[in-house]
């Protein structure tokens, strides 16, 4: 009976660890995406006047 309970406890622990790892992976993906978007915004702010003026000759 003790071995059965121990196996159940280990199995539950493994499932919990797998869930935590999956959540951490999803969080890392979200952080990487946010970082890439932030980098794009920072690069765009280097030349904020770009695209503000239009030269037209008639």
PDB file of N, CA and C in Angstrom:
ATOM      1  N   UNK A   1       0.815  -1.189   0.000  1.00  0.00           N
ATOM      2  CA  UNK A   1       0.000   0.000   0.000  1.00  0.00           C
ATOM      3  C   UNK A   1       0.862   1.258   0.000  1.00  0.00           C
ATOM      4  N   UNK A   2       1.986   1.198   0.704  1.00  0.00           N
ATOM      5  CA  UNK A   2       2.871   2.355   0.781  1.00  0.00           C
ATOM      6  C   UNK A   2       3.480   2.640  -0.595  1.00  0.00           C
ATOM      7  N   UNK A   3       3.831   1.575  -1.332  1.00  0.00           N
ATOM      8  CA  UNK A   3       4.438   1.748  -2.651  1.00  0.00           C
ATOM      9  C   UNK A   3       3.430   2.381  -3.610  1.00  0.00           C
ATOM     10  N   UNK A   4       2.181   1.973  -3.543  1.00  0.00           N
ATOM     11  CA  UNK A   4       1.141   2.553  -4.401  1.00  0.00           C
ATOM     12  C   UNK A   4       0.958   4.037  -4.128  1.00  0.00           C
ATOM     13  N   UNK A   5       0.930   4.402  -2.853  1.00  0.00           N
ATOM     14  CA  UNK A   5       0.807   5.812  -2.493  1.00  0.00           C
ATOM     15  C   UNK A   5       2.009   6.621  -2.924  1.00  0.00           C
ATOM     16  N   UNK A   6       3.190   6.023  -2.808  1.00  0.00           N
ATOM     17  CA  UNK A   6       4.415   6.698  -3.226  1.00  0.00           C
ATOM     18  C   UNK A   6       4.420   6.921  -4.737  1.00  0.00           C
ATOM     19  N   UNK A   7       3.989   5.910  -5.472  1.00  0.00           N
ATOM     20  CA  UNK A   7       3.922   6.047  -6.928  1.00  0.00           C
ATOM     21  C   UNK A   7       2.948   7.146  -7.322  1.00  0.00           C
ATOM     22  N   UNK A   8       1.794   7.188  -6.684  1.00  0.00           N
ATOM     23  CA  UNK A   8       0.802   8.224  -6.964  1.00  0.00           C
ATOM     24  C   UNK A   8       1.361   9.604  -6.651  1.00  0.00           C
ATOM     25  N   UNK A   9       2.079   9.701  -5.547  1.00  0.00           N
ATOM     26  CA  UNK A   9       2.678  10.974  -5.160  1.00  0.00           C
ATOM     27  C   UNK A   9       3.725  11.422  -6.177  1.00  0.00           C
ATOM     28  N   UNK A  10       4.562  10.510  -6.623  1.00  0.00           N
ATOM     29  CA  UNK A  10       5.596  10.836  -7.610  1.00  0.00           C
ATOM     30  C   UNK A  10       4.949  11.209  -8.943  1.00  0.00           C
ATOM     31  N   UNK A  11       3.926  10.473  -9.334  1.00  0.00           N
ATOM     32  CA  UNK A  11       3.235  10.745 -10.588  1.00  0.00           C
ATOM     33  C   UNK A  11       2.594  12.126 -10.561  1.00  0.00           C
ATOM     34  N   UNK A  12       1.959  12.465  -9.456  1.00  0.00           N
ATOM     35  CA  UNK A  12       1.343  13.784  -9.302  1.00  0.00           C
ATOM     36  C   UNK A  12       2.402  14.871  -9.346  1.00  0.00           C
ATOM     37  N   UNK A  13       3.531  14.625  -8.723  1.00  0.00           N
ATOM     38  CA  UNK A  13       4.632  15.582  -8.730  1.00  0.00           C
ATOM     39  C   UNK A  13       5.166  15.786 -10.144  1.00  0.00           C
ATOM     40  N   UNK A  14       5.290  14.705 -10.909  1.00  0.00           N
ATOM     41  CA  UNK A  14       5.751  14.801 -12.293  1.00  0.00           C
ATOM     42  C   UNK A  14       4.775  15.617 -13.137  1.00  0.00           C
ATOM     43  N   UNK A  15       3.502  15.400 -12.945  1.00  0.00           N
ATOM     44  CA  UNK A  15       2.481  16.157 -13.686  1.00  0.00           C
ATOM     45  C   UNK A  15       2.568  17.635 -13.334  1.00  0.00           C
ATOM     46  N   UNK A  16       2.717  17.936 -12.050  1.00  0.00           N
ATOM     47  CA  UNK A  16       2.834  19.331 -11.623  1.00  0.00           C
ATOM     48  C   UNK A  16       4.074  19.982 -12.229  1.00  0.00           C
ATOM     49  N   UNK A  17       5.184  19.260 -12.248  1.00  0.00           N
ATOM     50  CA  UNK A  17       6.410  19.789 -12.851  1.00  0.00           C
ATOM     51  C   UNK A  17       6.217  20.045 -14.341  1.00  0.00           C
ATOM     52  N   UNK A  18       5.564  19.125 -15.038  1.00  0.00           N
ATOM     53  CA  UNK A  18       5.318  19.298 -16.469  1.00  0.00           C
ATOM     54  C   UNK A  18       4.453  20.528 -16.731  1.00  0.00           C
ATOM     55  N   UNK A  19       3.452  20.727 -15.896  1.00  0.00           N
ATOM     56  CA  UNK A  19       2.580  21.892 -16.041  1.00  0.00           C
ATOM     57  C   UNK A  19       3.365  23.177 -15.799  1.00  0.00           C
ATOM     58  N   UNK A  20       4.195  23.198 -14.778  1.00  0.00           N
ATOM     59  CA  UNK A  20       4.992  24.386 -14.481  1.00  0.00           C
ATOM     60  C   UNK A  20       5.960  24.700 -15.613  1.00  0.00           C
ATOM     61  N   UNK A  21       6.582  23.682 -16.186  1.00  0.00           N
ATOM     62  CA  UNK A  21       7.504  23.890 -17.301  1.00  0.00           C
ATOM     63  C   UNK A  21       6.751  24.441 -18.511  1.00  0.00           C
ATOM     64  N   UNK A  22       5.561  23.912 -18.775  1.00  0.00           N
ATOM     65  CA  UNK A  22       4.770  24.402 -19.910  1.00  0.00           C
ATOM     66  C   UNK A  22       4.387  25.866 -19.710  1.00  0.00           C
ATOM     67  N   UNK A  23       4.029  26.229 -18.498  1.00  0.00           N
ATOM     68  CA  UNK A  23       3.676  27.625 -18.204  1.00  0.00           C
ATOM     69  C   UNK A  23       4.899  28.525 -18.369  1.00  0.00           C
ATOM     70  N   UNK A  24       6.042  28.081 -17.897  1.00  0.00           N
ATOM     71  CA  UNK A  24       7.260  28.870 -18.045  1.00  0.00           C
ATOM     72  C   UNK A  24       7.641  29.044 -19.517  1.00  0.00           C
ATOM     73  N   UNK A  25       7.475  28.001 -20.321  1.00  0.00           N
ATOM     74  CA  UNK A  25       7.767  28.107 -21.748  1.00  0.00           C
ATOM     75  C   UNK A  25       6.855  29.131 -22.416  1.00  0.00           C
ATOM     76  N   UNK A  26       5.577  29.096 -22.066  1.00  0.00           N
ATOM     77  CA  UNK A  26       4.623  30.053 -22.633  1.00  0.00           C
ATOM     78  C   UNK A  26       4.983  31.470 -22.209  1.00  0.00           C
ATOM     79  N   UNK A  27       5.372  31.642 -20.955  1.00  0.00           N
ATOM     80  CA  UNK A  27       5.783  32.958 -20.469  1.00  0.00           C
ATOM     81  C   UNK A  27       7.019  33.441 -21.211  1.00  0.00           C
ATOM     82  N   UNK A  28       7.973  32.563 -21.441  1.00  0.00           N
ATOM     83  CA  UNK A  28       9.187  32.927 -22.164  1.00  0.00           C
ATOM     84  C   UNK A  28       8.860  33.342 -23.590  1.00  0.00           C
ATOM     85  N   UNK A  29       7.963  32.621 -24.250  1.00  0.00           N
ATOM     86  CA  UNK A  29       7.550  32.989 -25.604  1.00  0.00           C
ATOM     87  C   UNK A  29       6.917  34.376 -25.619  1.00  0.00           C
ATOM     88  N   UNK A  30       6.073  34.648 -24.635  1.00  0.00           N
ATOM     89  CA  UNK A  30       5.409  35.946 -24.540  1.00  0.00           C
ATOM     90  C   UNK A  30       6.427  37.056 -24.314  1.00  0.00           C
ATOM     91  N   UNK A  31       7.394  36.808 -23.443  1.00  0.00           N
ATOM     92  CA  UNK A  31       8.424  37.802 -23.147  1.00  0.00           C
ATOM     93  C   UNK A  31       9.292  38.052 -24.376  1.00  0.00           C
ATOM     94  N   UNK A  32       9.641  37.002 -25.107  1.00  0.00           N
ATOM     95  CA  UNK A  32      10.446  37.171 -26.319  1.00  0.00           C
ATOM     96  C   UNK A  32       9.690  37.990 -27.365  1.00  0.00           C
ATOM     97  N   UNK A  33       8.402  37.725 -27.520  1.00  0.00           N
ATOM     98  CA  UNK A  33       7.587  38.479 -28.472  1.00  0.00           C
ATOM     99  C   UNK A  33       7.507  39.945 -28.061  1.00  0.00           C
ATOM    100  N   UNK A  34       7.285  40.191 -26.786  1.00  0.00           N
ATOM    101  CA  UNK A  34       7.219  41.565 -26.292  1.00  0.00           C
ATOM    102  C   UNK A  34       8.554  42.272 -26.490  1.00  0.00           C
ATOM    103  N   UNK A  35       9.647  41.575 -26.263  1.00  0.00           N
ATOM    104  CA  UNK A  35      10.968  42.153 -26.451  1.00  0.00           C
ATOM    105  C   UNK A  35      11.221  42.516 -27.899  1.00  0.00           C
ATOM    106  N   UNK A  36      10.796  41.665 -28.816  1.00  0.00           N
ATOM    107  CA  UNK A  36      10.973  41.944 -30.243  1.00  0.00           C
ATOM    108  C   UNK A  36      10.152  43.166 -30.650  1.00  0.00           C
ATOM    109  N   UNK A  37       8.937  43.271 -30.138  1.00  0.00           N
ATOM    110  CA  UNK A  37       8.090  44.427 -30.446  1.00  0.00           C
ATOM    111  C   UNK A  37       8.679  45.705 -29.855  1.00  0.00           C
ATOM    112  N   UNK A  38       9.218  45.615 -28.655  1.00  0.00           N
ATOM    113  CA  UNK A  38       9.842  46.769 -28.018  1.00  0.00           C
ATOM    114  C   UNK A  38      11.066  47.218 -28.807  1.00  0.00           C
ATOM    115  N   UNK A  39      11.840  46.263 -29.291  1.00  0.00           N
ATOM    116  CA  UNK A  39      13.007  46.594 -30.109  1.00  0.00           C
ATOM    117  C   UNK A  39      12.585  47.327 -31.376  1.00  0.00           C
ATOM    118  N   UNK A  40      11.526  46.868 -32.029  1.00  0.00           N
ATOM    119  CA  UNK A  40      11.029  47.535 -33.232  1.00  0.00           C
ATOM    120  C   UNK A  40      10.591  48.961 -32.921  1.00  0.00           C
ATOM    121  N   UNK A  41       9.889  49.138 -31.809  1.00  0.00           N
ATOM    122  CA  UNK A  41       9.447  50.482 -31.433  1.00  0.00           C
ATOM    123  C   UNK A  41      10.630  51.396 -31.151  1.00  0.00           C
ATOM    124  N   UNK A  42      11.654  50.880 -30.489  1.00  0.00           N
ATOM    125  CA  UNK A  42      12.837  51.685 -30.188  1.00  0.00           C
ATOM    126  C   UNK A  42      13.590  52.051 -31.462  1.00  0.00           C
ATOM    127  N   UNK A  43      13.679  51.128 -32.405  1.00  0.00           N
ATOM    128  CA  UNK A  43      14.344  51.418 -33.675  1.00  0.00           C
ATOM    129  C   UNK A  43      13.581  52.480 -34.450  1.00  0.00           C
ATOM    130  N   UNK A  44      12.264  52.440 -34.388  1.00  0.00           N
ATOM    131  CA  UNK A  44      11.447  53.430 -35.086  1.00  0.00           C
ATOM    132  C   UNK A  44      11.583  54.808 -34.440  1.00  0.00           C
ATOM    133  N   UNK A  45      11.848  54.856 -33.165  1.00  0.00           N
ATOM    134  CA  UNK A  45      11.932  56.144 -32.481  1.00  0.00           C
ATOM    135  C   UNK A  45      13.273  56.831 -32.703  1.00  0.00           C
ATOM    136  N   UNK A  46      14.238  56.155 -33.269  1.00  0.00           N
ATOM    137  CA  UNK A  46      15.544  56.759 -33.533  1.00  0.00           C
ATOM    138  C   UNK A  46      15.409  57.871 -34.564  1.00  0.00           C
ATOM    139  N   UNK A  47      14.566  57.665 -35.558  1.00  0.00           N
ATOM    140  CA  UNK A  47      14.305  58.682 -36.573  1.00  0.00           C
ATOM    141  C   UNK A  47      12.809  59.007 -36.570  1.00  0.00           C
ATOM    142  N   UNK A  48      12.366  59.735 -35.550  1.00  0.00           N
ATOM    143  CA  UNK A  48      10.928  59.985 -35.435  1.00  0.00           C
ATOM    144  C   UNK A  48      10.372  60.874 -36.540  1.00  0.00           C
ATOM    145  N   UNK A  49      11.235  61.674 -37.192  1.00  0.00           N
ATOM    146  CA  UNK A  49      10.731  62.553 -38.259  1.00  0.00           C
ATOM    147  C   UNK A  49      10.547  61.815 -39.574  1.00  0.00           C
ATOM    148  N   UNK A  50      11.018  60.597 -39.656  1.00  0.00           N
ATOM    149  CA  UNK A  50      10.902  59.820 -40.880  1.00  0.00           C
ATOM    150  C   UNK A  50       9.435  59.603 -41.227  1.00  0.00           C
ATOM    151  N   UNK A  51       9.054  59.998 -42.435  1.00  0.00           N
ATOM    152  CA  UNK A  51       7.686  59.821 -42.894  1.00  0.00           C
ATOM    153  C   UNK A  51       6.747  60.936 -42.483  1.00  0.00           C
ATOM    154  N   UNK A  52       7.260  61.986 -41.848  1.00  0.00           N
ATOM    155  CA  UNK A  52       6.406  63.078 -41.397  1.00  0.00           C
ATOM    156  C   UNK A  52       6.179  64.115 -42.502  1.00  0.00           C
ATOM    157  N   UNK A  53       7.110  64.218 -43.447  1.00  0.00           N
ATOM    158  CA  UNK A  53       7.011  65.221 -44.505  1.00  0.00           C
ATOM    159  C   UNK A  53       6.918  64.532 -45.871  1.00  0.00           C
ATOM    160  N   UNK A  54       6.183  65.167 -46.765  1.00  0.00           N
ATOM    161  CA  UNK A  54       6.036  64.651 -48.124  1.00  0.00           C
ATOM    162  C   UNK A  54       6.468  65.755 -49.074  1.00  0.00           C
ATOM    163  N   UNK A  55       7.403  65.440 -49.948  1.00  0.00           N
ATOM    164  CA  UNK A  55       7.831  66.392 -50.966  1.00  0.00           C
ATOM    165  C   UNK A  55       7.017  66.151 -52.233  1.00  0.00           C
ATOM    166  N   UNK A  56       6.272  67.178 -52.656  1.00  0.00           N
ATOM    167  CA  UNK A  56       5.441  67.061 -53.846  1.00  0.00           C
ATOM    168  C   UNK A  56       5.808  68.183 -54.801  1.00  0.00           C
ATOM    169  N   UNK A  57       6.040  67.818 -56.028  1.00  0.00           N
ATOM    170  CA  UNK A  57       6.282  68.858 -57.045  1.00  0.00           C
ATOM    171  C   UNK A  57       5.226  68.697 -58.136  1.00  0.00           C
ATOM    172  N   UNK A  58       4.627  69.792 -58.483  1.00  0.00           N
ATOM    173  CA  UNK A  58       3.544  69.771 -59.494  1.00  0.00           C
ATOM    174  C   UNK A  58       4.020  70.466 -60.736  1.00  0.00           C
TER     175      UNK A  58
END
